[in-house]
Amino acid sequence: MKPYSLLIFDWDGTLMDSAAHITECMRNAIQLVGAESRTDQEIRHIIGLGLDEAIRALYPQAPSNLIRAIADEYRQEFLVRTTHGSELFAGARETLHTLAAQGYDLAVATGKSRRGLDKVLDETGLRELFPITRCADETRSKPHPQMLEEILTDYDAAPHDALMIGDSEYDLHMALAIGMDSLAVSYGVHDLERLRQAQPRGHVDDVTHIPDWLEKQKVTE
């Protein structure tokens, strides 16, 4: 018997190799508004949060008008100005189709905006696999668990029915807050030592290893 009925994926750094693109867009936005620069490593660490929360983490003492200005420029960079996007991790598409064929329900819980997620779902052709998704601009940002709670409600599922899969501590702490199991992926923005502090059920080093990991968790009736 499958250990879970519902698999909830983070997007950036878990399914899509987008850290470099996000970092570039944020770096450009910061430069355009004339704010004090931040290192690529500092920017990578806030990937996974909602946009306003991410910028606030980079500039804790900044006034609200600066936060809004950077956010506006970031949206223009990410959604309008950059012509190159990001690619799915190798094997991610095939893995998702395999999991759907095995009978798992799939969902996305992401720090992206609704406009940003819709854009990449359309570009990748994966929208049909994710009937339920939640974004940071339509509910509370990670690590608050509200987006997970809403996904569970939509699927009429309990926390023990679902598994959160993500590459950041924000993903895993979100699951931990409501007693949901999580699976860490070690190839994203946060290293494995940092991820383990959020008590994931396990970890994988490649997106294609997820079905095998789930197979090992199966329970007998």
Protein backbone atom coordinates (compact mmCIF):
# COMPACT_ATOMS: atom_id res chain seq x y z
CA MET A 1 0.00 0.00 0.00
CA LYS A 2 1.29 3.47 -0.88
CA PRO A 3 2.63 5.35 2.16
CA TYR A 4 0.93 8.59 1.05
CA SER A 5 -1.91 9.52 -1.26
CA LEU A 6 -0.74 13.07 -1.93
CA LEU A 7 2.70 14.40 -2.89
CA ILE A 8 3.19 18.15 -2.51
CA PHE A 9 6.17 19.59 -4.38
CA ASP A 10 8.05 22.79 -3.98
CA TRP A 11 8.90 24.20 -7.42
CA ASP A 12 12.15 26.22 -7.54
CA GLY A 13 15.17 24.10 -6.64
CA THR A 14 13.06 20.94 -6.39
CA LEU A 15 11.54 20.47 -9.85
CA MET A 16 13.13 23.37 -11.73
CA ASP A 17 16.79 24.34 -11.76
CA SER A 18 15.99 28.03 -11.34
CA ALA A 19 18.31 29.23 -8.56
CA ALA A 20 20.73 30.94 -10.96
CA HIS A 21 17.92 32.72 -12.82
CA ILE A 22 16.24 33.88 -9.59
CA THR A 23 19.58 35.08 -8.22
CA GLU A 24 20.34 37.02 -11.40
CA CYS A 25 16.92 38.69 -11.42
CA MET A 26 17.18 39.68 -7.76
CA ARG A 27 20.72 40.99 -8.22
CA ASN A 28 19.58 43.10 -11.17
CA ALA A 29 16.56 44.42 -9.27
CA ILE A 30 18.74 45.46 -6.34
CA GLN A 31 21.13 47.26 -8.66
CA LEU A 32 18.32 49.05 -10.51
CA VAL A 33 16.93 50.62 -7.32
CA GLY A 34 20.39 51.47 -6.00
CA ALA A 35 20.18 49.38 -2.84
CA GLU A 36 23.25 47.97 -1.11
CA SER A 37 24.34 44.83 -2.96
CA ARG A 38 23.92 41.31 -1.63
CA THR A 39 26.04 38.29 -2.50
CA ASP A 40 24.72 35.47 -4.66
CA GLN A 41 24.96 33.17 -1.64
CA GLU A 42 22.83 35.52 0.46
CA ILE A 43 20.22 35.65 -2.28
CA ARG A 44 20.19 31.87 -2.74
CA HIS A 45 19.44 31.40 0.95
CA ILE A 46 16.13 33.28 0.70
CA ILE A 47 14.83 31.35 -2.33
CA GLY A 48 11.62 29.64 -1.30
CA LEU A 49 10.14 32.52 0.65
CA GLY A 50 7.44 34.77 -0.76
CA LEU A 51 8.90 37.74 -2.63
CA ASP A 52 8.24 40.40 0.00
CA GLU A 53 9.43 38.11 2.79
CA ALA A 54 12.57 37.24 0.81
CA ILE A 55 13.49 40.89 0.25
CA ARG A 56 12.75 41.71 3.88
CA ALA A 57 15.14 38.91 4.90
CA LEU A 58 17.84 40.53 2.77
CA TYR A 59 17.08 44.03 4.09
CA PRO A 60 15.61 43.68 7.61
CA GLN A 61 15.82 47.42 8.35
CA ALA A 62 14.66 48.69 4.95
CA PRO A 63 11.59 50.95 4.67
CA SER A 64 8.50 49.54 2.98
CA ASN A 65 8.93 51.71 -0.11
CA LEU A 66 12.35 50.14 -0.80
CA ILE A 67 10.95 46.63 -0.37
CA ARG A 68 8.17 47.46 -2.85
CA ALA A 69 10.61 49.00 -5.32
CA ILE A 70 12.88 45.94 -5.34
CA ALA A 71 9.86 43.65 -5.62
CA ASP A 72 8.50 45.60 -8.59
CA GLU A 73 11.83 45.50 -10.40
CA TYR A 74 12.23 41.79 -9.65
CA ARG A 75 8.84 41.03 -11.19
CA GLN A 76 9.81 42.96 -14.31
CA GLU A 77 13.14 41.13 -14.50
CA PHE A 78 11.64 37.68 -14.01
CA LEU A 79 8.42 37.99 -15.98
CA VAL A 80 9.19 40.53 -18.69
CA ARG A 81 12.81 41.48 -19.28
CA THR A 82 14.65 38.17 -19.24
CA THR A 83 14.21 36.12 -22.37
CA HIS A 84 15.94 33.02 -21.03
CA GLY A 85 14.19 30.99 -18.38
CA SER A 86 15.06 27.88 -16.41
CA GLU A 87 14.89 24.20 -17.18
CA LEU A 88 13.38 21.35 -15.23
CA PHE A 89 15.94 19.17 -13.51
CA ALA A 90 16.92 16.21 -15.69
CA GLY A 91 14.33 13.48 -15.24
CA ALA A 92 11.83 15.64 -13.36
CA ARG A 93 9.17 15.48 -16.06
CA GLU A 94 9.42 11.69 -16.38
CA THR A 95 9.40 11.28 -12.60
CA LEU A 96 6.21 13.31 -12.23
CA HIS A 97 4.44 11.32 -14.92
CA THR A 98 5.58 8.08 -13.26
CA LEU A 99 4.20 9.18 -9.89
CA ALA A 100 0.90 10.25 -11.42
CA ALA A 101 0.63 6.91 -13.22
CA GLN A 102 1.20 5.15 -9.89
CA GLY A 103 -1.90 6.85 -8.53
CA TYR A 104 -0.44 9.65 -6.45
CA ASP A 105 -2.25 12.98 -6.34
CA LEU A 106 0.20 15.82 -7.01
CA ALA A 107 0.20 19.43 -5.82
CA VAL A 108 2.57 22.40 -5.70
CA ALA A 109 3.29 24.68 -2.74
CA THR A 110 5.65 27.44 -3.83
CA GLY A 111 7.08 30.79 -2.90
CA LYS A 112 6.45 31.91 -6.48
CA SER A 113 3.67 34.31 -7.35
CA ARG A 114 0.56 32.97 -9.06
CA ARG A 115 1.60 34.71 -12.26
CA GLY A 116 5.08 33.21 -12.03
CA LEU A 117 3.87 29.68 -11.36
CA ASP A 118 1.26 29.81 -14.11
CA LYS A 119 3.99 30.93 -16.51
CA VAL A 120 6.27 27.96 -15.81
CA LEU A 121 3.40 25.46 -15.67
CA ASP A 122 2.40 26.54 -19.16
CA GLU A 123 5.99 26.63 -20.46
CA THR A 124 6.71 23.12 -19.18
CA GLY A 125 3.32 21.67 -20.09
CA LEU A 126 2.89 20.25 -16.59
CA ARG A 127 -0.28 22.09 -15.56
CA GLU A 128 -2.50 19.01 -15.99
CA LEU A 129 -0.45 17.09 -13.41
CA PHE A 130 -1.10 19.68 -10.68
CA PRO A 131 -4.82 20.40 -10.32
CA ILE A 132 -4.20 22.05 -6.95
CA THR A 133 -1.44 24.61 -6.36
CA ARG A 134 -0.74 27.36 -3.85
CA CYS A 135 1.49 30.40 -4.21
CA ALA A 136 2.93 32.85 -1.70
CA ASP A 137 0.92 35.82 -2.96
CA GLU A 138 -2.45 34.13 -2.37
CA THR A 139 -1.83 32.71 1.10
CA ARG A 140 0.83 33.07 3.80
CA SER A 141 4.47 32.59 2.87
CA LYS A 142 6.52 29.61 3.94
CA PRO A 143 7.41 28.50 6.55
CA HIS A 144 3.87 29.20 7.77
CA PRO A 145 1.86 26.06 6.91
CA GLN A 146 -1.29 27.77 5.60
CA MET A 147 -0.67 26.77 1.98
CA LEU A 148 -0.32 23.13 3.03
CA GLU A 149 -3.48 23.36 5.11
CA GLU A 150 -5.40 24.73 2.13
CA ILE A 151 -4.08 22.02 -0.19
CA LEU A 152 -5.11 19.34 2.32
CA THR A 153 -8.58 20.86 2.51
CA ASP A 154 -8.92 20.85 -1.29
CA TYR A 155 -7.92 17.18 -1.42
CA ASP A 156 -9.95 16.28 1.69
CA ALA A 157 -6.75 14.81 3.14
CA ALA A 158 -5.07 14.75 6.54
CA PRO A 159 -1.42 15.64 7.22
CA HIS A 160 -0.48 11.95 7.52
CA ASP A 161 -1.86 11.34 4.00
CA ALA A 162 0.64 13.73 2.40
CA LEU A 163 4.37 14.19 1.87
CA MET A 164 6.04 17.57 1.35
CA ILE A 165 9.03 17.41 -1.00
CA GLY A 166 11.41 20.36 -1.05
CA ASP A 167 14.93 21.73 -1.19
CA SER A 168 14.73 24.46 1.46
CA GLU A 169 14.33 24.53 5.20
CA TYR A 170 11.20 26.64 4.65
CA ASP A 171 9.53 23.72 2.86
CA LEU A 172 10.39 21.24 5.57
CA HIS A 173 9.57 23.47 8.53
CA MET A 174 6.20 24.19 6.92
CA ALA A 175 5.45 20.47 6.94
CA LEU A 176 6.86 19.95 10.43
CA ALA A 177 4.51 22.63 11.79
CA ILE A 178 1.43 20.52 11.00
CA GLY A 179 2.86 17.06 11.55
CA MET A 180 3.27 16.23 7.87
CA ASP A 181 6.17 14.04 6.72
CA SER A 182 8.71 15.68 4.44
CA LEU A 183 11.36 14.51 2.01
CA ALA A 184 14.44 16.67 1.54
CA VAL A 185 16.17 16.98 -1.82
CA SER A 186 19.86 17.73 -1.46
CA TYR A 187 20.50 19.27 -4.89
CA GLY A 188 18.72 22.61 -4.32
CA VAL A 189 19.41 25.83 -2.44
CA HIS A 190 19.99 24.55 1.12
CA ASP A 191 22.58 21.96 2.05
CA LEU A 192 21.65 18.65 3.62
CA GLU A 193 22.93 19.55 7.09
CA ARG A 194 20.62 22.55 7.16
CA LEU A 195 17.70 20.52 5.85
CA ARG A 196 18.12 17.81 8.47
CA GLN A 197 17.42 20.34 11.22
CA ALA A 198 13.80 20.31 10.03
CA GLN A 199 13.52 16.56 10.68
CA PRO A 200 12.65 15.24 7.19
CA ARG A 201 11.63 11.60 6.87
CA GLY A 202 14.55 11.10 4.48
CA HIS A 203 16.39 12.67 1.57
CA VAL A 204 17.22 12.03 -2.07
CA ASP A 205 20.14 13.33 -4.11
CA ASP A 206 18.33 13.32 -7.45
CA VAL A 207 14.71 13.98 -8.41
CA THR A 208 14.59 10.66 -10.25
CA HIS A 209 15.20 8.81 -6.96
CA ILE A 210 11.83 9.86 -5.49
CA PRO A 211 9.80 6.87 -6.80
CA ASP A 212 12.36 4.40 -5.42
CA TRP A 213 12.34 6.18 -2.05
CA LEU A 214 8.55 5.99 -1.93
CA GLU A 215 8.63 2.30 -2.88
CA LYS A 216 10.78 1.62 0.17
CA GLN A 217 8.23 3.35 2.41
CA LYS A 218 5.32 1.15 1.34
CA VAL A 219 3.42 -0.53 4.14
CA THR A 220 1.55 -3.82 4.11
CA GLU A 221 -2.16 -3.82 4.83
